């Protein structure tokens, strides 16, 4: 969906900024612009407080409504297609494509998946009952109305009974089911702070893995040499739902997901991507399409992470029995390997 060239972002002055210069408050909260940039925007009348155009001498007061007008607004392109698999009076099951964030990020506000669904279905308060990572596609449960979301969110486990993912991993996965209960948490000593690792004092995590198929594919090693590599298609039943749980568990077991930049090759390609994106943003560019090369993707095994939330069992309060729904709209490279 085309992104409007003019966007308006709203915020509320926090209590701790009572009596501050608005300029100082903006600089403290929204660090993606420098003080000079915010001063320029104030001088051009692009910021208002409680409906009145602000300037460099405006004083901020707690709970003031601040509106920032962005001219010539742009965002990175994301896929905006989706499929409604099921809906009734209160809920929808929707297949999210990989590559679009569920909620807003530092650079994507308009085309979040939540916003895309709200605009596409005319349910202005449609609310995701859970989330998927930006790079993971698949089935998501949405409440059509904010009241429904509030009423059922605390007891989500009574509605969303089971979630199953399909993953394509490196190597020959065991033929027998693997019941993985490795506790996970971040490692403050890891150079990539968002990555999850197995620690005994981590959060309890539980995934059941079942091998579906396997074979060999033509791959490329880091030296650029072509060779045959083993892969396995694995069904992942999510018992708990922690950050990066499936990706981290598979990596810890020695079977990283094809295309996973963060948990494959010790995060080398994730770091390369984030460095390139940071450089692009410093130049005022948004696209990360060129952050990794074709050679990089060849080593990773895929442009898209081969993880997809393909099946969900739900039990709505007014149903006598649970029902299971599937989506197999896997990324193209994944479709070629999943039976």
Protein backbone atom coordinates (compact mmCIF):
# COMPACT_ATOMS: atom_id res chain seq x y z
CA UNK A 1 0.00 0.00 0.00
CA UNK A 2 1.45 3.39 -0.97
CA UNK A 3 2.84 5.36 1.95
CA UNK A 4 1.40 8.91 2.26
CA UNK A 5 3.94 11.65 1.58
CA UNK A 6 2.68 13.58 4.63
CA UNK A 7 2.50 11.82 7.99
CA UNK A 8 1.56 13.07 11.45
CA UNK A 9 3.01 11.44 14.56
CA UNK A 10 1.43 12.02 17.96
CA UNK A 11 2.99 11.74 21.40
CA UNK A 12 2.27 12.91 24.93
CA UNK A 13 4.72 14.82 27.12
CA UNK A 14 5.87 12.60 29.97
CA UNK A 15 5.57 13.79 33.61
CA UNK A 16 9.35 13.91 34.05
CA UNK A 17 9.55 16.54 31.27
CA UNK A 18 7.22 18.97 33.04
CA UNK A 19 8.53 22.53 32.56
CA UNK A 20 11.22 21.55 30.04
CA UNK A 21 11.73 23.38 26.80
CA UNK A 22 9.81 21.39 24.18
CA UNK A 23 13.02 21.28 22.12
CA UNK A 24 14.86 19.58 24.98
CA UNK A 25 12.00 17.12 25.49
CA UNK A 26 11.93 16.18 21.81
CA UNK A 27 15.69 15.66 21.74
CA UNK A 28 15.55 13.44 24.83
CA UNK A 29 12.74 11.21 23.58
CA UNK A 30 13.22 11.08 19.82
CA UNK A 31 16.92 10.73 19.22
CA UNK A 32 16.60 9.89 15.52
CA UNK A 33 16.82 13.69 14.93
CA UNK A 34 19.61 15.92 16.23
CA UNK A 35 18.94 19.05 18.27
CA UNK A 36 19.69 21.10 15.16
CA UNK A 37 17.13 19.09 13.17
CA UNK A 38 14.42 19.51 15.82
CA UNK A 39 15.16 23.25 16.05
CA UNK A 40 14.77 23.51 12.29
CA UNK A 41 11.44 21.65 12.36
CA UNK A 42 10.17 23.91 15.14
CA UNK A 43 11.19 26.99 13.16
CA UNK A 44 9.26 25.71 10.14
CA UNK A 45 6.07 25.12 12.10
CA UNK A 46 6.12 21.34 11.77
CA UNK A 47 5.44 20.70 15.47
CA UNK A 48 2.29 21.64 17.37
CA UNK A 49 1.27 21.35 21.02
CA UNK A 50 -2.41 20.95 21.86
CA UNK A 51 -3.30 22.19 18.38
CA UNK A 52 -1.09 25.32 18.53
CA UNK A 53 2.05 25.64 16.40
CA UNK A 54 5.10 25.42 18.66
CA UNK A 55 8.45 27.20 18.46
CA UNK A 56 11.89 27.05 20.06
CA UNK A 57 10.68 28.80 23.23
CA UNK A 58 7.62 26.58 23.83
CA UNK A 59 7.52 25.04 27.29
CA UNK A 60 6.38 21.42 27.63
CA UNK A 61 3.86 20.34 30.28
CA UNK A 62 2.95 16.81 31.23
CA UNK A 63 0.19 15.26 29.13
CA UNK A 64 0.51 17.91 26.40
CA UNK A 65 -0.38 16.42 23.01
CA UNK A 66 2.51 16.90 20.61
CA UNK A 67 2.00 16.41 16.86
CA UNK A 68 4.96 16.20 14.51
CA UNK A 69 4.30 16.72 10.78
CA UNK A 70 6.70 14.81 8.52
CA UNK A 71 7.02 16.05 4.95
CA UNK A 72 8.05 13.79 2.05
CA UNK A 73 7.68 10.77 4.29
CA UNK A 74 9.13 7.46 3.09
CA UNK A 75 9.47 3.95 4.51
CA UNK A 76 11.29 0.80 3.43
CA UNK A 77 9.07 -1.29 1.17
CA UNK A 78 7.45 -4.32 2.80
CA UNK A 79 5.04 -6.96 1.47
CA UNK A 80 1.45 -5.89 2.09
CA UNK A 81 -0.39 -8.98 0.88
CA UNK A 82 -2.23 -11.26 3.30
CA UNK A 83 -4.90 -13.95 3.37
CA UNK A 84 -7.86 -14.17 5.76
CA UNK A 85 -8.06 -17.88 6.56
CA UNK A 86 -11.02 -17.70 8.94
CA UNK A 87 -13.25 -15.07 10.51
CA UNK A 88 -16.37 -14.80 12.61
CA UNK A 89 -18.03 -11.97 14.51
CA UNK A 90 -15.06 -11.36 16.82
CA UNK A 91 -11.89 -12.95 15.44
CA UNK A 92 -9.85 -13.44 12.28
CA UNK A 93 -7.02 -15.84 11.45
CA UNK A 94 -4.74 -14.12 8.97
CA UNK A 95 -1.64 -15.34 7.12
CA UNK A 96 1.09 -12.72 7.49
CA UNK A 97 3.86 -12.56 4.84
CA UNK A 98 7.49 -12.64 5.93
CA UNK A 99 9.27 -9.29 5.86
CA UNK A 100 6.68 -7.03 7.51
CA UNK A 101 6.73 -6.10 11.23
CA UNK A 102 3.57 -6.61 13.27
CA UNK A 103 4.08 -3.35 15.20
CA UNK A 104 5.90 -0.15 14.36
CA UNK A 105 9.67 -0.07 14.27
CA UNK A 106 12.15 2.78 14.11
CA UNK A 107 11.57 3.14 10.37
CA UNK A 108 8.16 1.59 9.68
CA UNK A 109 5.00 3.21 11.04
CA UNK A 110 2.46 3.19 8.23
CA UNK A 111 2.90 -0.29 6.78
CA UNK A 112 3.04 -2.36 9.92
CA UNK A 113 1.07 -5.56 9.55
CA UNK A 114 -1.45 -4.38 12.15
CA UNK A 115 -2.06 -1.18 10.17
CA UNK A 116 -2.29 -3.07 6.88
CA UNK A 117 -4.96 -5.37 8.35
CA UNK A 118 -6.90 -2.48 9.84
CA UNK A 119 -6.99 -0.62 6.55
CA UNK A 120 -7.70 -3.70 4.48
CA UNK A 121 -10.53 -5.07 6.60
CA UNK A 122 -12.14 -1.84 7.81
CA UNK A 123 -11.80 -3.03 11.42
CA UNK A 124 -10.09 0.08 12.76
CA UNK A 125 -9.19 -1.48 16.10
CA UNK A 126 -8.22 -4.95 14.87
CA UNK A 127 -5.63 -6.19 17.37
CA UNK A 128 -3.09 -9.01 17.06
CA UNK A 129 -3.46 -11.42 19.96
CA UNK A 130 0.20 -12.49 19.65
CA UNK A 131 3.14 -11.57 17.44
CA UNK A 132 5.53 -12.94 14.87
CA UNK A 133 9.03 -11.64 14.14
CA UNK A 134 9.32 -9.40 11.10
CA UNK A 135 11.17 -12.10 9.15
CA UNK A 136 8.67 -14.84 10.04
CA UNK A 137 5.43 -15.29 8.13
CA UNK A 138 2.40 -17.36 8.99
CA UNK A 139 -0.89 -17.66 10.83
CA UNK A 140 -1.85 -14.93 13.30
CA UNK A 141 -4.98 -14.56 15.43
CA UNK A 142 -6.53 -11.08 15.40
CA UNK A 143 -9.43 -9.77 17.46
CA UNK A 144 -11.62 -7.56 15.31
CA UNK A 145 -12.35 -5.13 18.12
CA UNK A 146 -10.29 -3.68 20.97
CA UNK A 147 -12.94 -4.82 23.47
CA UNK A 148 -12.59 -8.44 22.30
CA UNK A 149 -8.81 -8.24 22.57
CA UNK A 150 -9.00 -6.86 26.10
CA UNK A 151 -11.54 -9.48 27.15
CA UNK A 152 -9.55 -12.49 25.93
CA UNK A 153 -5.89 -11.44 26.02
CA UNK A 154 -5.21 -12.58 29.59
CA UNK A 155 -6.59 -16.04 28.82
CA UNK A 156 -5.11 -16.40 25.36
CA UNK A 157 -3.87 -19.91 26.11
CA UNK A 158 -7.51 -21.01 26.41
CA UNK A 159 -8.21 -19.78 22.88
CA UNK A 160 -4.98 -20.30 20.98
CA UNK A 161 -4.36 -23.88 22.05
CA UNK A 162 -1.45 -24.91 19.83
CA UNK A 163 0.92 -23.27 17.35
CA UNK A 164 2.99 -25.17 14.81
CA UNK A 165 5.80 -23.84 12.65
CA UNK A 166 7.58 -25.35 9.68
CA UNK A 167 11.33 -24.84 9.44
CA UNK A 168 14.02 -25.88 6.97
CA UNK A 169 17.31 -26.42 8.77
CA UNK A 170 20.88 -27.33 7.91
CA UNK A 171 21.95 -30.91 8.48
CA UNK A 172 20.28 -34.26 9.04
CA UNK A 173 17.82 -33.78 11.90
CA UNK A 174 17.10 -36.87 14.07
CA UNK A 175 14.26 -39.04 12.83
CA UNK A 176 12.75 -39.32 16.31
CA UNK A 177 10.96 -36.38 17.93
CA UNK A 178 13.16 -34.00 19.93
CA UNK A 179 11.59 -32.58 23.10
CA UNK A 180 13.71 -29.47 23.71
CA UNK A 181 13.38 -27.72 27.07
CA UNK A 182 16.52 -25.56 27.08
CA UNK A 183 16.08 -22.40 29.14
CA UNK A 184 17.01 -19.27 27.17
CA UNK A 185 18.10 -15.74 27.90
CA UNK A 186 20.26 -13.00 26.45
CA UNK A 187 23.99 -13.02 27.17
CA UNK A 188 25.26 -9.57 28.26
CA UNK A 189 28.71 -10.58 26.99
CA UNK A 190 27.47 -11.40 23.48
CA UNK A 191 28.47 -8.75 20.95
CA UNK A 192 24.94 -9.17 19.50
CA UNK A 193 22.83 -8.38 22.54
CA UNK A 194 19.45 -9.47 21.14
CA UNK A 195 20.58 -13.06 20.54
CA UNK A 196 19.23 -15.76 22.89
CA UNK A 197 21.41 -18.48 24.42
CA UNK A 198 20.96 -21.55 26.57
CA UNK A 199 21.55 -20.81 30.27
CA UNK A 200 20.29 -22.81 33.23
CA UNK A 201 18.99 -19.60 34.80
CA UNK A 202 17.22 -18.53 31.61
CA UNK A 203 13.47 -18.42 31.04
CA UNK A 204 11.81 -21.84 30.71
CA UNK A 205 11.32 -22.68 27.04
CA UNK A 206 9.73 -25.75 25.50
CA UNK A 207 9.60 -26.76 21.83
CA UNK A 208 8.84 -30.18 20.32
CA UNK A 209 10.53 -30.86 16.98
CA UNK A 210 9.45 -33.53 14.50
CA UNK A 211 11.30 -34.26 11.28
CA UNK A 212 9.00 -34.19 8.25
CA UNK A 213 11.45 -34.74 5.39
CA UNK A 214 15.06 -34.36 4.40
CA UNK A 215 17.39 -34.36 1.45
CA UNK A 216 20.33 -32.56 -0.09
CA UNK A 217 20.54 -29.24 -1.86
CA UNK A 218 23.19 -27.39 -3.80
CA UNK A 219 24.76 -24.90 -1.41
CA UNK A 220 27.72 -22.54 -1.25
CA UNK A 221 30.27 -22.37 1.55
CA UNK A 222 31.89 -19.16 2.80
CA UNK A 223 34.78 -19.67 0.40
CA UNK A 224 32.30 -19.48 -2.46
CA UNK A 225 32.62 -23.17 -3.30
CA UNK A 226 29.52 -25.01 -4.51
CA UNK A 227 28.69 -28.29 -2.80
CA UNK A 228 25.87 -30.63 -1.83
CA UNK A 229 24.48 -29.95 1.65
CA UNK A 230 22.02 -31.89 3.77
CA UNK A 231 18.82 -30.19 4.91
CA UNK A 232 15.80 -31.24 6.96
CA UNK A 233 12.21 -30.04 7.06
CA UNK A 234 11.12 -29.88 10.68
CA UNK A 235 7.75 -29.25 12.29
CA UNK A 236 8.11 -27.17 15.47
CA UNK A 237 5.35 -27.28 18.08
CA UNK A 238 5.62 -24.23 20.30
CA UNK A 239 4.71 -25.11 23.89
CA UNK A 240 6.00 -21.84 25.36
CA UNK A 241 6.44 -18.65 23.37
CA UNK A 242 9.68 -16.87 24.22
CA UNK A 243 11.70 -14.46 22.12
CA UNK A 244 13.44 -16.25 19.20
CA UNK A 245 12.61 -19.55 20.88
CA UNK A 246 12.50 -21.83 17.83
CA UNK A 247 15.48 -20.19 16.14
CA UNK A 248 17.60 -20.30 19.29
CA UNK A 249 16.63 -23.88 20.17
CA UNK A 250 17.46 -25.14 16.68
CA UNK A 251 20.75 -23.26 16.69
CA UNK A 252 21.69 -24.65 20.10
CA UNK A 253 20.86 -28.15 18.85
CA UNK A 254 23.19 -27.62 15.89
CA UNK A 255 20.57 -27.22 13.16
CA UNK A 256 20.29 -23.50 12.30
CA UNK A 257 17.46 -22.39 10.02
CA UNK A 258 18.35 -21.69 6.41
CA UNK A 259 18.42 -17.97 5.76
CA UNK A 260 18.61 -17.03 9.46
CA UNK A 261 21.10 -14.17 9.58
CA UNK A 262 21.19 -13.93 13.37
CA UNK A 263 21.66 -17.57 14.40
CA UNK A 264 23.69 -18.86 11.43
CA UNK A 265 27.44 -18.36 10.98
CA UNK A 266 27.73 -16.78 14.44
CA UNK A 267 25.66 -13.78 13.37
CA UNK A 268 28.21 -12.60 10.80
CA UNK A 269 25.60 -11.74 8.18
CA UNK A 270 23.26 -10.11 10.71
CA UNK A 271 26.10 -7.80 11.73
CA UNK A 272 26.95 -7.06 8.11
CA UNK A 273 23.31 -6.23 7.39
CA UNK A 274 22.88 -3.95 10.41
CA UNK A 275 26.16 -2.14 9.67
CA UNK A 276 25.12 -1.52 6.06
CA UNK A 277 21.64 -0.36 7.10
CA UNK A 278 23.15 2.04 9.66
CA UNK A 279 25.39 3.49 6.95
CA UNK A 280 22.40 3.87 4.61
CA UNK A 281 20.35 5.63 7.28
CA UNK A 282 23.22 8.02 7.95
CA UNK A 283 23.01 8.97 4.26
CA UNK A 284 19.24 9.42 4.53
CA UNK A 285 18.46 6.18 2.68
CA UNK A 286 15.96 3.60 3.88
CA UNK A 287 16.36 0.48 1.80
CA UNK A 288 18.15 -2.56 3.14
CA UNK A 289 17.73 -4.51 -0.10
CA UNK A 290 21.42 -4.11 -0.93
CA UNK A 291 22.72 -4.70 2.60
CA UNK A 292 23.67 -8.27 1.71
CA UNK A 293 24.96 -9.46 -1.65
CA UNK A 294 23.83 -12.35 -3.79
CA UNK A 295 26.94 -14.21 -2.61
CA UNK A 296 25.92 -13.64 1.02
CA UNK A 297 22.44 -15.03 0.40
CA UNK A 298 23.94 -18.02 -1.40
CA UNK A 299 25.92 -18.87 1.75
CA UNK A 300 22.90 -18.28 4.00
CA UNK A 301 20.87 -20.57 1.77
CA UNK A 302 17.94 -18.23 1.24
CA UNK A 303 16.95 -14.57 1.03
CA UNK A 304 14.08 -15.30 3.42
CA UNK A 305 14.36 -17.04 6.76
CA UNK A 306 12.86 -20.51 6.27
CA UNK A 307 10.54 -20.44 9.28
CA UNK A 308 6.76 -20.20 8.89
CA UNK A 309 3.90 -20.42 11.40
CA UNK A 310 1.83 -22.77 9.28
CA UNK A 311 -0.80 -24.21 11.64
CA UNK A 312 -2.86 -23.17 14.66
CA UNK A 313 -5.45 -24.93 16.79
CA UNK A 314 -8.00 -22.56 18.30
CA UNK A 315 -10.97 -22.98 20.64
CA UNK A 316 -13.23 -19.96 20.78
CA UNK A 317 -15.42 -19.75 23.91
CA UNK A 318 -18.63 -20.27 21.97
CA UNK A 319 -17.40 -23.40 20.11
CA UNK A 320 -18.06 -26.92 21.32
CA UNK A 321 -14.78 -28.24 19.90
CA UNK A 322 -11.43 -26.82 18.82
CA UNK A 323 -10.60 -26.34 15.15
CA UNK A 324 -7.28 -26.43 13.30
CA UNK A 325 -6.35 -24.09 10.45
CA UNK A 326 -3.35 -24.10 8.11
CA UNK A 327 -1.56 -21.81 5.70
CA UNK A 328 1.22 -23.04 3.43
CA UNK A 329 2.06 -19.75 1.78
CA UNK A 330 5.76 -20.33 2.43
CA UNK A 331 8.42 -18.01 0.97
CA UNK A 332 9.27 -19.12 -2.58
CA UNK A 333 12.67 -20.63 -1.75
CA UNK A 334 11.11 -22.56 1.13
CA UNK A 335 8.28 -23.90 -1.05
CA UNK A 336 10.85 -25.69 -3.17
CA UNK A 337 12.01 -27.78 -0.18
CA UNK A 338 8.84 -28.40 1.87
CA UNK A 339 6.84 -31.45 0.69
